[in-house]
Structures are given as C-alpha cells and as structure tokens.
C-alpha atoms as a PDB file:
ATOM      1  CA  MET A   1      -9.077  10.017  -2.712  1.00  0.00           C
ATOM      2  CA  ALA A   2     -12.603  10.766  -1.637  1.00  0.00           C
ATOM      3  CA  VAL A   3     -13.879  14.068  -0.289  1.00  0.00           C
ATOM      4  CA  LEU A   4     -17.155  14.382   1.553  1.00  0.00           C
ATOM      5  CA  GLY A   5     -18.391  17.888   2.189  1.00  0.00           C
ATOM      6  CA  ALA A   6     -21.321  20.215   2.394  1.00  0.00           C
ATOM      7  CA  ALA A   7     -23.891  20.207  -0.354  1.00  0.00           C
ATOM      8  CA  ALA A   8     -25.778  23.412  -1.123  1.00  0.00           C
ATOM      9  CA  SER A   9     -27.026  25.214   2.017  1.00  0.00           C
ATOM     10  CA  SER A  10     -25.740  22.566   4.401  1.00  0.00           C
ATOM     11  CA  THR A  11     -23.285  22.928   7.269  1.00  0.00           C
ATOM     12  CA  TYR A  12     -21.593  19.560   6.853  1.00  0.00           C
ATOM     13  CA  PRO A  13     -17.793  19.846   7.310  1.00  0.00           C
ATOM     14  CA  GLN A  14     -15.403  18.887   4.513  1.00  0.00           C
ATOM     15  CA  LEU A  15     -13.814  15.487   5.137  1.00  0.00           C
ATOM     16  CA  PRO A  16     -10.888  14.396   2.888  1.00  0.00           C
ATOM     17  CA  ILE A  17     -10.502  10.609   2.993  1.00  0.00           C
ATOM     18  CA  THR A  18      -7.126   9.213   1.960  1.00  0.00           C
ATOM     19  CA  GLN A  19      -7.460   5.624   3.154  1.00  0.00           C
ATOM     20  CA  SER A  20     -10.183   3.002   2.858  1.00  0.00           C
ATOM     21  CA  MET A  21     -12.763   3.039   5.634  1.00  0.00           C
ATOM     22  CA  THR A  22     -16.371   2.642   6.691  1.00  0.00           C
ATOM     23  CA  TRP A  23     -17.933   6.039   7.344  1.00  0.00           C
ATOM     24  CA  VAL A  24     -20.977   6.667   9.529  1.00  0.00           C
ATOM     25  CA  PRO A  25     -22.341  10.229   9.316  1.00  0.00           C
ATOM     26  CA  GLU A  26     -22.024  12.160  12.569  1.00  0.00           C
ATOM     27  CA  MET A  27     -25.149  14.202  11.797  1.00  0.00           C
ATOM     28  CA  ASP A  28     -28.061  14.258   9.389  1.00  0.00           C
ATOM     29  CA  GLY A  29     -27.682  16.454   6.340  1.00  0.00           C
ATOM     30  CA  ASN A  30     -26.765  16.615   2.670  1.00  0.00           C
ATOM     31  CA  VAL A  31     -23.265  15.904   1.390  1.00  0.00           C
ATOM     32  CA  CYS A  32     -21.434  16.374  -1.877  1.00  0.00           C
ATOM     33  CA  ILE A  33     -19.053  13.501  -2.681  1.00  0.00           C
ATOM     34  CA  HIS A  34     -15.984  13.652  -4.940  1.00  0.00           C
ATOM     35  CA  LEU A  35     -14.199  10.403  -5.880  1.00  0.00           C
ATOM     36  CA  VAL A  36     -10.775  10.378  -7.546  1.00  0.00           C
ATOM     37  CA  GLY A  37      -9.068   7.141  -8.580  1.00  0.00           C
ATOM     38  CA  GLY A  38      -5.330   6.544  -8.257  1.00  0.00           C
ATOM     39  CA  GLY A  39      -3.188   7.818 -11.149  1.00  0.00           C
ATOM     40  CA  GLY A  40      -1.257   5.370 -13.307  1.00  0.00           C
ATOM     41  CA  GLY A  41       2.485   4.930 -12.806  1.00  0.00           C
ATOM     42  CA  GLY A  42       4.920   6.074 -15.465  1.00  0.00           C
ATOM     43  CA  ALA A  43       7.062   3.716 -17.540  1.00  0.00           C
ATOM     44  CA  ALA A  44      10.843   3.685 -17.797  1.00  0.00           C
ATOM     45  CA  GLY A  45      12.305   3.349 -21.277  1.00  0.00           C
ATOM     46  CA  GLN A  46      15.627   3.131 -23.044  1.00  0.00           C
ATOM     47  CA  SER A  47      18.087   6.039 -22.950  1.00  0.00           C
ATOM     48  CA  SER A  48      16.478   7.534 -19.851  1.00  0.00           C
ATOM     49  CA  TYR A  49      13.127   8.146 -21.529  1.00  0.00           C
ATOM     50  CA  ILE A  50      10.236   8.217 -19.103  1.00  0.00           C
ATOM     51  CA  TYR A  51       6.606   7.888 -20.128  1.00  0.00           C
ATOM     52  CA  GLY A  52       3.761   9.269 -18.027  1.00  0.00           C
ATOM     53  CA  GLY A  53       0.977   7.161 -16.625  1.00  0.00           C
ATOM     54  CA  GLY A  54      -2.690   7.807 -17.248  1.00  0.00           C
ATOM     55  CA  GLY A  55      -4.768  10.292 -15.290  1.00  0.00           C
ATOM     56  CA  ALA A  56      -7.317   8.989 -12.842  1.00  0.00           C
ATOM     57  CA  GLY A  57     -11.073   9.052 -13.231  1.00  0.00           C
ATOM     58  CA  TYR A  58     -13.312  11.460 -11.292  1.00  0.00           C
ATOM     59  CA  VAL A  59     -16.933  11.168 -10.165  1.00  0.00           C
ATOM     60  CA  LYS A  60     -19.084  13.712  -8.316  1.00  0.00           C
ATOM     61  CA  ILE A  61     -22.315  13.061  -6.440  1.00  0.00           C
ATOM     62  CA  ALA A  62     -23.617  16.613  -6.135  1.00  0.00           C
ATOM     63  CA  LYS A  63     -26.107  16.038  -3.314  1.00  0.00           C
ATOM     64  CA  LEU A  64     -26.818  12.970  -1.194  1.00  0.00           C
ATOM     65  CA  ALA A  65     -28.977  12.985   1.927  1.00  0.00           C
ATOM     66  CA  VAL A  66     -27.255  11.167   4.829  1.00  0.00           C
ATOM     67  CA  THR A  67     -28.415  10.239   8.316  1.00  0.00           C
ATOM     68  CA  THR A  68     -26.687   8.953  11.427  1.00  0.00           C
ATOM     69  CA  SER A  69     -28.347   5.568  10.876  1.00  0.00           C
ATOM     70  CA  GLY A  70     -26.638   5.130   7.482  1.00  0.00           C
ATOM     71  CA  SER A  71     -23.139   3.958   6.629  1.00  0.00           C
ATOM     72  CA  PHE A  72     -20.800   3.983   3.646  1.00  0.00           C
ATOM     73  CA  THR A  73     -17.899   1.809   2.555  1.00  0.00           C
ATOM     74  CA  LEU A  74     -15.141   3.831   0.888  1.00  0.00           C
ATOM     75  CA  VAL A  75     -12.231   2.184  -0.919  1.00  0.00           C
ATOM     76  CA  VAL A  76      -9.444   4.603  -1.859  1.00  0.00           C
ATOM     77  CA  GLY A  77      -7.366   3.557  -4.880  1.00  0.00           C
ATOM     78  CA  ASN A  78      -3.580   3.845  -4.653  1.00  0.00           C
ATOM     79  CA  GLY A  79      -1.479   5.389  -7.384  1.00  0.00           C
ATOM     80  CA  GLY A  80       0.268   2.929  -9.696  1.00  0.00           C
ATOM     81  CA  ASN A  81       3.957   2.177  -9.202  1.00  0.00           C
ATOM     82  CA  GLY A  82       6.356   3.351 -11.870  1.00  0.00           C
ATOM     83  CA  GLY A  83       8.147   0.924 -14.153  1.00  0.00           C
ATOM     84  CA  GLN A  84      11.836   0.030 -13.847  1.00  0.00           C
ATOM     85  CA  PHE A  85      14.195  -0.136 -16.815  1.00  0.00           C
ATOM     86  CA  SER A  86      16.046  -3.425 -17.151  1.00  0.00           C
ATOM     87  CA  THR A  87      19.262  -3.990 -19.111  1.00  0.00           C
ATOM     88  CA  ALA A  88      18.625  -7.737 -19.188  1.00  0.00           C
ATOM     89  CA  ASN A  89      17.710  -9.172 -22.593  1.00  0.00           C
ATOM     90  CA  GLY A  90      19.084  -6.181 -24.492  1.00  0.00           C
ATOM     91  CA  GLY A  91      17.213  -3.503 -22.552  1.00  0.00           C
ATOM     92  CA  ILE A  92      13.556  -3.843 -21.801  1.00  0.00           C
ATOM     93  CA  SER A  93      11.316  -0.938 -20.976  1.00  0.00           C
ATOM     94  CA  GLY A  94       9.485  -1.303 -17.700  1.00  0.00           C
ATOM     95  CA  ALA A  95       5.789  -0.570 -17.972  1.00  0.00           C
ATOM     96  CA  GLY A  96       4.100   1.391 -15.210  1.00  0.00           C
ATOM     97  CA  PHE A  97       1.271  -0.122 -13.223  1.00  0.00           C
ATOM     98  CA  SER A  98      -2.341   1.001 -13.268  1.00  0.00           C
ATOM     99  CA  GLY A  99      -3.763   3.037 -10.408  1.00  0.00           C
ATOM    100  CA  GLY A 100      -6.521   1.600  -8.245  1.00  0.00           C
ATOM    101  CA  ASP A 101     -10.220   2.464  -8.377  1.00  0.00           C
ATOM    102  CA  THR A 102     -11.800   4.623  -5.673  1.00  0.00           C
ATOM    103  CA  THR A 103     -15.320   3.445  -4.806  1.00  0.00           C
ATOM    104  CA  ILE A 104     -18.218   4.219  -2.513  1.00  0.00           C
ATOM    105  CA  ALA A 105     -21.268   2.131  -1.636  1.00  0.00           C
ATOM    106  CA  GLY A 106     -23.817   2.576   1.084  1.00  0.00           C
ATOM    107  CA  THR A 107     -27.141   3.920   2.266  1.00  0.00           C
ATOM    108  CA  GLY A 108     -28.978   5.830  -0.470  1.00  0.00           C
ATOM    109  CA  ILE A 109     -26.522   4.856  -3.227  1.00  0.00           C
ATOM    110  CA  SER A 110     -27.690   2.340  -5.785  1.00  0.00           C
ATOM    111  CA  GLY A 111     -24.835  -0.144  -6.302  1.00  0.00           C
ATOM    112  CA  THR A 112     -21.236   1.028  -6.206  1.00  0.00           C
ATOM    113  CA  ILE A 113     -19.969   4.329  -7.620  1.00  0.00           C
ATOM    114  CA  THR A 114     -16.416   4.193  -9.043  1.00  0.00           C
ATOM    115  CA  GLY A 115     -13.743   6.750  -9.905  1.00  0.00           C
ATOM    116  CA  GLY A 116     -11.488   4.604 -12.091  1.00  0.00           C
ATOM    117  CA  GLY A 117      -7.735   4.348 -11.728  1.00  0.00           C
ATOM    118  CA  GLY A 118      -5.446   5.595 -14.492  1.00  0.00           C
ATOM    119  CA  GLY A 119      -3.631   3.198 -16.806  1.00  0.00           C
ATOM    120  CA  GLY A 120       0.080   2.524 -16.473  1.00  0.00           C
ATOM    121  CA  GLY A 121       2.507   4.167 -18.898  1.00  0.00           C
END
C-alpha cells in the first residue's frame, strides 16, 4: 500500500492507494509518502502446523515537492498467497509465496523507490 499525505505545514489531503495507478497531483504542495510492500504468505506444514510469512518492507519519503505538471507511477504489491499442505509423496509442506514490492517513480524522485515484499513462510 502507498499513502500520500500532507508534509509539514501543508494542506495536502491524505490519499491511501491500494491498487497500482498513475497519480497526477491535483494541486502544488509538499507530500509525505509511505510505501509498504505486500506481506509474505504463510506455509502449511505437517500435523496442522502453520508457519508465518515474512513482514513487508517500509519506506518513507518525509517531504517531496509536487506540482500539477508532475506525475507518479505507483505499483502496489499484493500479499503472498499461503501454502497448501499436500498428502502426496508422504506429506509435503506447502511453502508460502513472497509478497510483491510496492514502488513509486516520477517527477522529483531519482530512480524508483521500493518497499520490498515479505518472504514466504
């Protein structure tokens, strides 16, 4: 998930972003950006044991000047799917899948900033 919101002494509204998009600022100002990757999915093990997936990464851009002529590409990472236990081949634990990265790139940002996804259990 990404959250865009007011930086110090700015009146920019808070904008939670839960799906990938291109964002064009509606007004000039300063924003604070929080990026959170998708968490890793848990694993299923023998005898009903379940193992947790890894926590997602977090990145904060404390203050970024934006203008209505700029634009940003936001990719929101999904959480990883959980593993499934299989009784085939004598019982195999099903590993969880990694969560996806959340990224932002755009005007005033050098390169791409990434909040990494968590590893699968």
